[in-house]
Amino acid sequence: MRSAYGRVPTAASYDRAVSAHPRTERSTLADLLSTRGPDEPTLCEGWTTYDLAAHVVARDRRPLSLPGLVLPALAGMTERSRRGVRRSHPYDELVSLVRA
């Protein structure tokens, strides 16, 4: 099927294309974290690459940490979750979880 803009994607091809982008971004982030090591500063003031990896893993795997990302009153809960993830996982393991 064609539209004025060219071929119209099927739902399946659209789903593959949309889901491929986040996977590519995560893989790129994991590669960068792996290359830089745990102690590099990030654009987040006061955070290292270790902190960033812990943040991504906490956001993905601890749903109770999500409200603090948008509700300032709950930010402490999110921060405690990130610190807990950092304490309980070595850096290389966090990078693997980011990549997963």
PDB file of N, CA and C in Angstrom:
ATOM      1  N   MET A   1       0.836  -1.162   0.000  1.00  0.00           N
ATOM      2  CA  MET A   1       0.000   0.000   0.000  1.00  0.00           C
ATOM      3  C   MET A   1       0.891   1.239   0.000  1.00  0.00           C
ATOM      4  N   ARG A   2       0.491   2.266  -0.713  1.00  0.00           N
ATOM      5  CA  ARG A   2       1.269   3.500  -0.799  1.00  0.00           C
ATOM      6  C   ARG A   2       0.426   4.689  -0.371  1.00  0.00           C
ATOM      7  N   SER A   3       1.101   5.650   0.187  1.00  0.00           N
ATOM      8  CA  SER A   3       0.453   6.918   0.504  1.00  0.00           C
ATOM      9  C   SER A   3       1.179   8.001  -0.280  1.00  0.00           C
ATOM     10  N   ALA A   4       0.794   9.223  -0.089  1.00  0.00           N
ATOM     11  CA  ALA A   4       1.469  10.330  -0.765  1.00  0.00           C
ATOM     12  C   ALA A   4       2.928  10.428  -0.328  1.00  0.00           C
ATOM     13  N   TYR A   5       3.260   9.826   0.807  1.00  0.00           N
ATOM     14  CA  TYR A   5       4.620   9.903   1.341  1.00  0.00           C
ATOM     15  C   TYR A   5       5.426   8.639   1.093  1.00  0.00           C
ATOM     16  N   GLY A   6       4.901   7.720   0.345  1.00  0.00           N
ATOM     17  CA  GLY A   6       5.609   6.473   0.079  1.00  0.00           C
ATOM     18  C   GLY A   6       4.889   5.298   0.698  1.00  0.00           C
ATOM     19  N   ARG A   7       5.624   4.248   0.936  1.00  0.00           N
ATOM     20  CA  ARG A   7       5.051   3.016   1.460  1.00  0.00           C
ATOM     21  C   ARG A   7       4.566   3.201   2.898  1.00  0.00           C
ATOM     22  N   VAL A   8       3.393   2.676   3.188  1.00  0.00           N
ATOM     23  CA  VAL A   8       2.828   2.721   4.532  1.00  0.00           C
ATOM     24  C   VAL A   8       3.316   1.485   5.284  1.00  0.00           C
ATOM     25  N   PRO A   9       3.923   1.679   6.450  1.00  0.00           N
ATOM     26  CA  PRO A   9       4.441   0.514   7.171  1.00  0.00           C
ATOM     27  C   PRO A   9       3.315  -0.331   7.748  1.00  0.00           C
ATOM     28  N   THR A  10       3.570  -1.622   7.809  1.00  0.00           N
ATOM     29  CA  THR A  10       2.623  -2.509   8.487  1.00  0.00           C
ATOM     30  C   THR A  10       2.805  -2.340   9.989  1.00  0.00           C
ATOM     31  N   ALA A  11       1.838  -2.812  10.745  1.00  0.00           N
ATOM     32  CA  ALA A  11       1.939  -2.717  12.202  1.00  0.00           C
ATOM     33  C   ALA A  11       3.172  -3.461  12.709  1.00  0.00           C
ATOM     34  N   ALA A  12       3.441  -4.633  12.146  1.00  0.00           N
ATOM     35  CA  ALA A  12       4.584  -5.432  12.595  1.00  0.00           C
ATOM     36  C   ALA A  12       5.902  -4.722  12.303  1.00  0.00           C
ATOM     37  N   SER A  13       6.045  -4.158  11.112  1.00  0.00           N
ATOM     38  CA  SER A  13       7.302  -3.477  10.790  1.00  0.00           C
ATOM     39  C   SER A  13       7.460  -2.211  11.627  1.00  0.00           C
ATOM     40  N   TYR A  14       6.351  -1.543  11.896  1.00  0.00           N
ATOM     41  CA  TYR A  14       6.399  -0.353  12.755  1.00  0.00           C
ATOM     42  C   TYR A  14       6.837  -0.738  14.163  1.00  0.00           C
ATOM     43  N   ASP A  15       6.256  -1.811  14.720  1.00  0.00           N
ATOM     44  CA  ASP A  15       6.627  -2.266  16.059  1.00  0.00           C
ATOM     45  C   ASP A  15       8.106  -2.623  16.140  1.00  0.00           C
ATOM     46  N   ARG A  16       8.630  -3.306  15.120  1.00  0.00           N
ATOM     47  CA  ARG A  16      10.049  -3.671  15.109  1.00  0.00           C
ATOM     48  C   ARG A  16      10.918  -2.420  15.087  1.00  0.00           C
ATOM     49  N   ALA A  17      10.562  -1.465  14.258  1.00  0.00           N
ATOM     50  CA  ALA A  17      11.360  -0.243  14.142  1.00  0.00           C
ATOM     51  C   ALA A  17      11.328   0.565  15.436  1.00  0.00           C
ATOM     52  N   VAL A  18      10.162   0.677  16.034  1.00  0.00           N
ATOM     53  CA  VAL A  18      10.031   1.456  17.264  1.00  0.00           C
ATOM     54  C   VAL A  18      10.766   0.785  18.416  1.00  0.00           C
ATOM     55  N   SER A  19      10.668  -0.527  18.538  1.00  0.00           N
ATOM     56  CA  SER A  19      11.324  -1.207  19.651  1.00  0.00           C
ATOM     57  C   SER A  19      12.832  -1.333  19.435  1.00  0.00           C
ATOM     58  N   ALA A  20      13.308  -1.229  18.208  1.00  0.00           N
ATOM     59  CA  ALA A  20      14.739  -1.328  17.947  1.00  0.00           C
ATOM     60  C   ALA A  20      15.484  -0.096  18.461  1.00  0.00           C
ATOM     61  N   HIS A  21      14.860   1.060  18.408  1.00  0.00           N
ATOM     62  CA  HIS A  21      15.533   2.294  18.813  1.00  0.00           C
ATOM     63  C   HIS A  21      15.957   2.275  20.288  1.00  0.00           C
ATOM     64  N   PRO A  22      15.066   1.972  21.228  1.00  0.00           N
ATOM     65  CA  PRO A  22      15.509   1.924  22.633  1.00  0.00           C
ATOM     66  C   PRO A  22      16.578   0.860  22.880  1.00  0.00           C
ATOM     67  N   ARG A  23      16.479  -0.280  22.208  1.00  0.00           N
ATOM     68  CA  ARG A  23      17.502  -1.323  22.380  1.00  0.00           C
ATOM     69  C   ARG A  23      18.858  -0.808  21.924  1.00  0.00           C
ATOM     70  N   THR A  24      18.870  -0.094  20.803  1.00  0.00           N
ATOM     71  CA  THR A  24      20.122   0.466  20.296  1.00  0.00           C
ATOM     72  C   THR A  24      20.675   1.502  21.271  1.00  0.00           C
ATOM     73  N   GLU A  25      19.813   2.356  21.794  1.00  0.00           N
ATOM     74  CA  GLU A  25      20.260   3.366  22.763  1.00  0.00           C
ATOM     75  C   GLU A  25      20.825   2.720  24.025  1.00  0.00           C
ATOM     76  N   ARG A  26      20.162   1.695  24.528  1.00  0.00           N
ATOM     77  CA  ARG A  26      20.637   1.023  25.742  1.00  0.00           C
ATOM     78  C   ARG A  26      21.972   0.328  25.494  1.00  0.00           C
ATOM     79  N   SER A  27      22.103  -0.292  24.341  1.00  0.00           N
ATOM     80  CA  SER A  27      23.359  -0.949  24.006  1.00  0.00           C
ATOM     81  C   SER A  27      24.493   0.076  23.915  1.00  0.00           C
ATOM     82  N   THR A  28      24.209   1.209  23.304  1.00  0.00           N
ATOM     83  CA  THR A  28      25.203   2.275  23.194  1.00  0.00           C
ATOM     84  C   THR A  28      25.574   2.808  24.574  1.00  0.00           C
ATOM     85  N   LEU A  29      24.574   3.015  25.435  1.00  0.00           N
ATOM     86  CA  LEU A  29      24.844   3.478  26.796  1.00  0.00           C
ATOM     87  C   LEU A  29      25.686   2.452  27.552  1.00  0.00           C
ATOM     88  N   ALA A  30      25.340   1.178  27.448  1.00  0.00           N
ATOM     89  CA  ALA A  30      26.106   0.134  28.138  1.00  0.00           C
ATOM     90  C   ALA A  30      27.548   0.097  27.632  1.00  0.00           C
ATOM     91  N   ASP A  31      27.739   0.235  26.331  1.00  0.00           N
ATOM     92  CA  ASP A  31      29.099   0.278  25.775  1.00  0.00           C
ATOM     93  C   ASP A  31      29.882   1.450  26.356  1.00  0.00           C
ATOM     94  N   LEU A  32      29.244   2.600  26.418  1.00  0.00           N
ATOM     95  CA  LEU A  32      29.900   3.791  26.954  1.00  0.00           C
ATOM     96  C   LEU A  32      30.236   3.617  28.438  1.00  0.00           C
ATOM     97  N   LEU A  33      29.290   3.089  29.209  1.00  0.00           N
ATOM     98  CA  LEU A  33      29.545   2.847  30.631  1.00  0.00           C
ATOM     99  C   LEU A  33      30.704   1.873  30.817  1.00  0.00           C
ATOM    100  N   SER A  34      30.725   0.835  30.004  1.00  0.00           N
ATOM    101  CA  SER A  34      31.783  -0.168  30.090  1.00  0.00           C
ATOM    102  C   SER A  34      33.145   0.438  29.752  1.00  0.00           C
ATOM    103  N   THR A  35      33.179   1.275  28.731  1.00  0.00           N
ATOM    104  CA  THR A  35      34.424   1.902  28.296  1.00  0.00           C
ATOM    105  C   THR A  35      34.940   2.901  29.327  1.00  0.00           C
ATOM    106  N   ARG A  36      34.049   3.669  29.914  1.00  0.00           N
ATOM    107  CA  ARG A  36      34.446   4.746  30.832  1.00  0.00           C
ATOM    108  C   ARG A  36      34.802   4.267  32.231  1.00  0.00           C
ATOM    109  N   GLY A  37      34.186   3.184  32.683  1.00  0.00           N
ATOM    110  CA  GLY A  37      34.443   2.717  34.039  1.00  0.00           C
ATOM    111  C   GLY A  37      33.536   3.405  35.050  1.00  0.00           C
ATOM    112  N   PRO A  38      33.610   2.987  36.314  1.00  0.00           N
ATOM    113  CA  PRO A  38      32.627   3.414  37.311  1.00  0.00           C
ATOM    114  C   PRO A  38      32.811   4.822  37.881  1.00  0.00           C
ATOM    115  N   ASP A  39      33.956   5.431  37.694  1.00  0.00           N
ATOM    116  CA  ASP A  39      34.247   6.675  38.412  1.00  0.00           C
ATOM    117  C   ASP A  39      34.237   7.936  37.556  1.00  0.00           C
ATOM    118  N   GLU A  40      33.797   7.838  36.319  1.00  0.00           N
ATOM    119  CA  GLU A  40      33.767   9.011  35.437  1.00  0.00           C
ATOM    120  C   GLU A  40      32.618   9.935  35.815  1.00  0.00           C
ATOM    121  N   PRO A  41      32.834  11.240  35.768  1.00  0.00           N
ATOM    122  CA  PRO A  41      31.722  12.167  36.011  1.00  0.00           C
ATOM    123  C   PRO A  41      30.726  12.115  34.857  1.00  0.00           C
ATOM    124  N   THR A  42      29.492  12.479  35.143  1.00  0.00           N
ATOM    125  CA  THR A  42      28.445  12.527  34.115  1.00  0.00           C
ATOM    126  C   THR A  42      27.908  13.952  34.030  1.00  0.00           C
ATOM    127  N   LEU A  43      26.965  14.171  33.134  1.00  0.00           N
ATOM    128  CA  LEU A  43      26.328  15.481  33.029  1.00  0.00           C
ATOM    129  C   LEU A  43      25.400  15.759  34.207  1.00  0.00           C
ATOM    130  N   CYS A  44      25.065  14.733  34.975  1.00  0.00           N
ATOM    131  CA  CYS A  44      24.250  14.903  36.184  1.00  0.00           C
ATOM    132  C   CYS A  44      25.203  15.320  37.307  1.00  0.00           C
ATOM    133  N   GLU A  45      25.092  16.541  37.755  1.00  0.00           N
ATOM    134  CA  GLU A  45      26.031  17.094  38.724  1.00  0.00           C
ATOM    135  C   GLU A  45      26.170  16.201  39.959  1.00  0.00           C
ATOM    136  N   GLY A  46      27.421  15.837  40.249  1.00  0.00           N
ATOM    137  CA  GLY A  46      27.713  15.020  41.417  1.00  0.00           C
ATOM    138  C   GLY A  46      27.581  13.521  41.199  1.00  0.00           C
ATOM    139  N   TRP A  47      27.130  13.109  40.026  1.00  0.00           N
ATOM    140  CA  TRP A  47      26.958  11.684  39.746  1.00  0.00           C
ATOM    141  C   TRP A  47      28.121  11.158  38.918  1.00  0.00           C
ATOM    142  N   THR A  48      28.500   9.916  39.237  1.00  0.00           N
ATOM    143  CA  THR A  48      29.479   9.196  38.423  1.00  0.00           C
ATOM    144  C   THR A  48      28.733   8.245  37.483  1.00  0.00           C
ATOM    145  N   THR A  49      29.491   7.601  36.632  1.00  0.00           N
ATOM    146  CA  THR A  49      28.889   6.603  35.747  1.00  0.00           C
ATOM    147  C   THR A  49      28.270   5.462  36.558  1.00  0.00           C
ATOM    148  N   TYR A  50      28.842   5.160  37.713  1.00  0.00           N
ATOM    149  CA  TYR A  50      28.268   4.133  38.598  1.00  0.00           C
ATOM    150  C   TYR A  50      26.877   4.572  39.062  1.00  0.00           C
ATOM    151  N   ASP A  51      26.751   5.833  39.475  1.00  0.00           N
ATOM    152  CA  ASP A  51      25.453   6.364  39.906  1.00  0.00           C
ATOM    153  C   ASP A  51      24.431   6.313  38.774  1.00  0.00           C
ATOM    154  N   LEU A  52      24.863   6.679  37.573  1.00  0.00           N
ATOM    155  CA  LEU A  52      23.957   6.678  36.420  1.00  0.00           C
ATOM    156  C   LEU A  52      23.476   5.264  36.105  1.00  0.00           C
ATOM    157  N   ALA A  53      24.393   4.301  36.113  1.00  0.00           N
ATOM    158  CA  ALA A  53      24.004   2.909  35.853  1.00  0.00           C
ATOM    159  C   ALA A  53      23.015   2.424  36.911  1.00  0.00           C
ATOM    160  N   ALA A  54      23.267   2.764  38.176  1.00  0.00           N
ATOM    161  CA  ALA A  54      22.352   2.367  39.252  1.00  0.00           C
ATOM    162  C   ALA A  54      20.986   3.019  39.067  1.00  0.00           C
ATOM    163  N   HIS A  55      20.960   4.265  38.635  1.00  0.00           N
ATOM    164  CA  HIS A  55      19.699   4.973  38.390  1.00  0.00           C
ATOM    165  C   HIS A  55      18.875   4.272  37.306  1.00  0.00           C
ATOM    166  N   VAL A  56      19.529   3.915  36.198  1.00  0.00           N
ATOM    167  CA  VAL A  56      18.820   3.257  35.091  1.00  0.00           C
ATOM    168  C   VAL A  56      18.264   1.912  35.549  1.00  0.00           C
ATOM    169  N   VAL A  57      19.061   1.146  36.272  1.00  0.00           N
ATOM    170  CA  VAL A  57      18.610  -0.168  36.741  1.00  0.00           C
ATOM    171  C   VAL A  57      17.475  -0.013  37.756  1.00  0.00           C
ATOM    172  N   ALA A  58      17.599   0.926  38.680  1.00  0.00           N
ATOM    173  CA  ALA A  58      16.527   1.140  39.664  1.00  0.00           C
ATOM    174  C   ALA A  58      15.236   1.544  38.965  1.00  0.00           C
ATOM    175  N   ARG A  59      15.340   2.436  37.996  1.00  0.00           N
ATOM    176  CA  ARG A  59      14.153   2.888  37.257  1.00  0.00           C
ATOM    177  C   ARG A  59      13.473   1.724  36.541  1.00  0.00           C
ATOM    178  N   ASP A  60      14.278   0.836  35.977  1.00  0.00           N
ATOM    179  CA  ASP A  60      13.734  -0.292  35.211  1.00  0.00           C
ATOM    180  C   ASP A  60      13.205  -1.420  36.083  1.00  0.00           C
ATOM    181  N   ARG A  61      13.835  -1.662  37.216  1.00  0.00           N
ATOM    182  CA  ARG A  61      13.549  -2.878  37.982  1.00  0.00           C
ATOM    183  C   ARG A  61      12.890  -2.654  39.334  1.00  0.00           C
ATOM    184  N   ARG A  62      12.759  -1.422  39.737  1.00  0.00           N
ATOM    185  CA  ARG A  62      12.109  -1.110  41.017  1.00  0.00           C
ATOM    186  C   ARG A  62      11.001  -0.091  40.765  1.00  0.00           C
ATOM    187  N   PRO A  63       9.826  -0.567  40.403  1.00  0.00           N
ATOM    188  CA  PRO A  63       8.735   0.344  40.028  1.00  0.00           C
ATOM    189  C   PRO A  63       8.377   1.368  41.100  1.00  0.00           C
ATOM    190  N   LEU A  64       8.610   1.051  42.366  1.00  0.00           N
ATOM    191  CA  LEU A  64       8.279   2.012  43.419  1.00  0.00           C
ATOM    192  C   LEU A  64       9.203   3.226  43.417  1.00  0.00           C
ATOM    193  N   SER A  65      10.297   3.149  42.651  1.00  0.00           N
ATOM    194  CA  SER A  65      11.180   4.313  42.571  1.00  0.00           C
ATOM    195  C   SER A  65      10.707   5.316  41.521  1.00  0.00           C
ATOM    196  N   LEU A  66       9.766   4.936  40.678  1.00  0.00           N
ATOM    197  CA  LEU A  66       9.331   5.810  39.586  1.00  0.00           C
ATOM    198  C   LEU A  66       8.605   7.083  40.018  1.00  0.00           C
ATOM    199  N   PRO A  67       7.709   7.049  40.991  1.00  0.00           N
ATOM    200  CA  PRO A  67       6.980   8.283  41.321  1.00  0.00           C
ATOM    201  C   PRO A  67       7.891   9.458  41.671  1.00  0.00           C
ATOM    202  N   GLY A  68       9.016   9.186  42.280  1.00  0.00           N
ATOM    203  CA  GLY A  68       9.935  10.255  42.659  1.00  0.00           C
ATOM    204  C   GLY A  68      10.585  10.955  41.489  1.00  0.00           C
ATOM    205  N   LEU A  69      10.495  10.363  40.299  1.00  0.00           N
ATOM    206  CA  LEU A  69      11.041  11.018  39.110  1.00  0.00           C
ATOM    207  C   LEU A  69      10.188  12.206  38.685  1.00  0.00           C
ATOM    208  N   VAL A  70       8.903  12.174  39.041  1.00  0.00           N
ATOM    209  CA  VAL A  70       7.997  13.252  38.624  1.00  0.00           C
ATOM    210  C   VAL A  70       7.356  13.994  39.796  1.00  0.00           C
ATOM    211  N   LEU A  71       7.396  13.411  40.973  1.00  0.00           N
ATOM    212  CA  LEU A  71       6.799  14.050  42.152  1.00  0.00           C
ATOM    213  C   LEU A  71       7.911  14.383  43.151  1.00  0.00           C
ATOM    214  N   PRO A  72       8.268  15.642  43.262  1.00  0.00           N
ATOM    215  CA  PRO A  72       9.380  16.019  44.142  1.00  0.00           C
ATOM    216  C   PRO A  72       9.237  15.503  45.576  1.00  0.00           C
ATOM    217  N   ALA A  73       8.028  15.405  46.074  1.00  0.00           N
ATOM    218  CA  ALA A  73       7.828  14.924  47.442  1.00  0.00           C
ATOM    219  C   ALA A  73       8.301  13.479  47.618  1.00  0.00           C
ATOM    220  N   LEU A  74       8.371  12.725  46.530  1.00  0.00           N
ATOM    221  CA  LEU A  74       8.782  11.316  46.597  1.00  0.00           C
ATOM    222  C   LEU A  74      10.207  11.097  46.086  1.00  0.00           C
ATOM    223  N   ALA A  75      10.933  12.170  45.819  1.00  0.00           N
ATOM    224  CA  ALA A  75      12.290  12.051  45.274  1.00  0.00           C
ATOM    225  C   ALA A  75      13.217  11.292  46.219  1.00  0.00           C
ATOM    226  N   GLY A  76      13.013  11.428  47.514  1.00  0.00           N
ATOM    227  CA  GLY A  76      13.854  10.712  48.470  1.00  0.00           C
ATOM    228  C   GLY A  76      13.737   9.207  48.323  1.00  0.00           C
ATOM    229  N   MET A  77      12.543   8.727  48.038  1.00  0.00           N
ATOM    230  CA  MET A  77      12.328   7.294  47.838  1.00  0.00           C
ATOM    231  C   MET A  77      13.104   6.820  46.604  1.00  0.00           C
ATOM    232  N   THR A  78      13.080   7.621  45.554  1.00  0.00           N
ATOM    233  CA  THR A  78      13.807   7.279  44.332  1.00  0.00           C
ATOM    234  C   THR A  78      15.308   7.258  44.600  1.00  0.00           C
ATOM    235  N   GLU A  79      15.794   8.243  45.324  1.00  0.00           N
ATOM    236  CA  GLU A  79      17.221   8.313  45.640  1.00  0.00           C
ATOM    237  C   GLU A  79      17.652   7.138  46.514  1.00  0.00           C
ATOM    238  N   ARG A  80      16.855   6.766  47.491  1.00  0.00           N
ATOM    239  CA  ARG A  80      17.183   5.596  48.330  1.00  0.00           C
ATOM    240  C   ARG A  80      17.225   4.321  47.494  1.00  0.00           C
ATOM    241  N   SER A  81      16.325   4.208  46.547  1.00  0.00           N
ATOM    242  CA  SER A  81      16.299   3.039  45.671  1.00  0.00           C
ATOM    243  C   SER A  81      17.576   2.975  44.837  1.00  0.00           C
ATOM    244  N   ARG A  82      17.990   4.114  44.279  1.00  0.00           N
ATOM    245  CA  ARG A  82      19.215   4.160  43.471  1.00  0.00           C
ATOM    246  C   ARG A  82      20.418   3.776  44.320  1.00  0.00           C
ATOM    247  N   ARG A  83      20.499   4.325  45.525  1.00  0.00           N
ATOM    248  CA  ARG A  83      21.629   3.998  46.398  1.00  0.00           C
ATOM    249  C   ARG A  83      21.632   2.518  46.778  1.00  0.00           C
ATOM    250  N   GLY A  84      20.448   1.960  47.003  1.00  0.00           N
ATOM    251  CA  GLY A  84      20.357   0.539  47.330  1.00  0.00           C
ATOM    252  C   GLY A  84      20.826  -0.343  46.186  1.00  0.00           C
ATOM    253  N   VAL A  85      20.447   0.017  44.973  1.00  0.00           N
ATOM    254  CA  VAL A  85      20.898  -0.739  43.796  1.00  0.00           C
ATOM    255  C   VAL A  85      22.411  -0.635  43.677  1.00  0.00           C
ATOM    256  N   ARG A  86      22.940   0.547  43.878  1.00  0.00           N
ATOM    257  CA  ARG A  86      24.389   0.733  43.769  1.00  0.00           C
ATOM    258  C   ARG A  86      25.128  -0.107  44.807  1.00  0.00           C
ATOM    259  N   ARG A  87      24.630  -0.123  46.041  1.00  0.00           N
ATOM    260  CA  ARG A  87      25.290  -0.907  47.103  1.00  0.00           C
ATOM    261  C   ARG A  87      25.234  -2.407  46.836  1.00  0.00           C
ATOM    262  N   SER A  88      24.180  -2.866  46.207  1.00  0.00           N
ATOM    263  CA  SER A  88      23.984  -4.316  46.084  1.00  0.00           C
ATOM    264  C   SER A  88      24.480  -4.923  44.773  1.00  0.00           C
ATOM    265  N   HIS A  89      25.018  -4.106  43.867  1.00  0.00           N
ATOM    266  CA  HIS A  89      25.495  -4.635  42.586  1.00  0.00           C
ATOM    267  C   HIS A  89      26.854  -4.041  42.229  1.00  0.00           C
ATOM    268  N   PRO A  90      27.810  -4.892  41.857  1.00  0.00           N
ATOM    269  CA  PRO A  90      29.064  -4.358  41.331  1.00  0.00           C
ATOM    270  C   PRO A  90      28.807  -3.645  39.994  1.00  0.00           C
ATOM    271  N   TYR A  91      29.688  -2.735  39.651  1.00  0.00           N
ATOM    272  CA  TYR A  91      29.515  -1.916  38.452  1.00  0.00           C
ATOM    273  C   TYR A  91      29.309  -2.754  37.192  1.00  0.00           C
ATOM    274  N   ASP A  92      30.148  -3.753  36.975  1.00  0.00           N
ATOM    275  CA  ASP A  92      30.033  -4.571  35.755  1.00  0.00           C
ATOM    276  C   ASP A  92      28.673  -5.255  35.657  1.00  0.00           C
ATOM    277  N   GLU A  93      28.134  -5.659  36.793  1.00  0.00           N
ATOM    278  CA  GLU A  93      26.807  -6.280  36.793  1.00  0.00           C
ATOM    279  C   GLU A  93      25.737  -5.252  36.407  1.00  0.00           C
ATOM    280  N   LEU A  94      25.860  -4.033  36.917  1.00  0.00           N
ATOM    281  CA  LEU A  94      24.903  -2.983  36.542  1.00  0.00           C
ATOM    282  C   LEU A  94      24.960  -2.698  35.046  1.00  0.00           C
ATOM    283  N   VAL A  95      26.166  -2.649  34.497  1.00  0.00           N
ATOM    284  CA  VAL A  95      26.301  -2.412  33.055  1.00  0.00           C
ATOM    285  C   VAL A  95      25.610  -3.528  32.280  1.00  0.00           C
ATOM    286  N   SER A  96      25.765  -4.768  32.727  1.00  0.00           N
ATOM    287  CA  SER A  96      25.078  -5.893  32.068  1.00  0.00           C
ATOM    288  C   SER A  96      23.563  -5.755  32.172  1.00  0.00           C
ATOM    289  N   LEU A  97      23.075  -5.281  33.312  1.00  0.00           N
ATOM    290  CA  LEU A  97      21.632  -5.087  33.477  1.00  0.00           C
ATOM    291  C   LEU A  97      21.122  -3.935  32.607  1.00  0.00           C
ATOM    292  N   VAL A  98      21.917  -2.906  32.438  1.00  0.00           N
ATOM    293  CA  VAL A  98      21.536  -1.815  31.524  1.00  0.00           C
ATOM    294  C   VAL A  98      21.418  -2.366  30.111  1.00  0.00           C
ATOM    295  N   ARG A  99      22.356  -3.221  29.740  1.00  0.00           N
ATOM    296  CA  ARG A  99      22.366  -3.782  28.386  1.00  0.00           C
ATOM    297  C   ARG A  99      21.201  -4.743  28.159  1.00  0.00           C
ATOM    298  N   ALA A 100      20.726  -5.406  29.208  1.00  0.00           N
ATOM    299  CA  ALA A 100      19.684  -6.443  29.079  1.00  0.00           C
ATOM    300  C   ALA A 100      18.346  -5.881  28.635  1.00  0.00           C
TER     301      ALA A 100
END
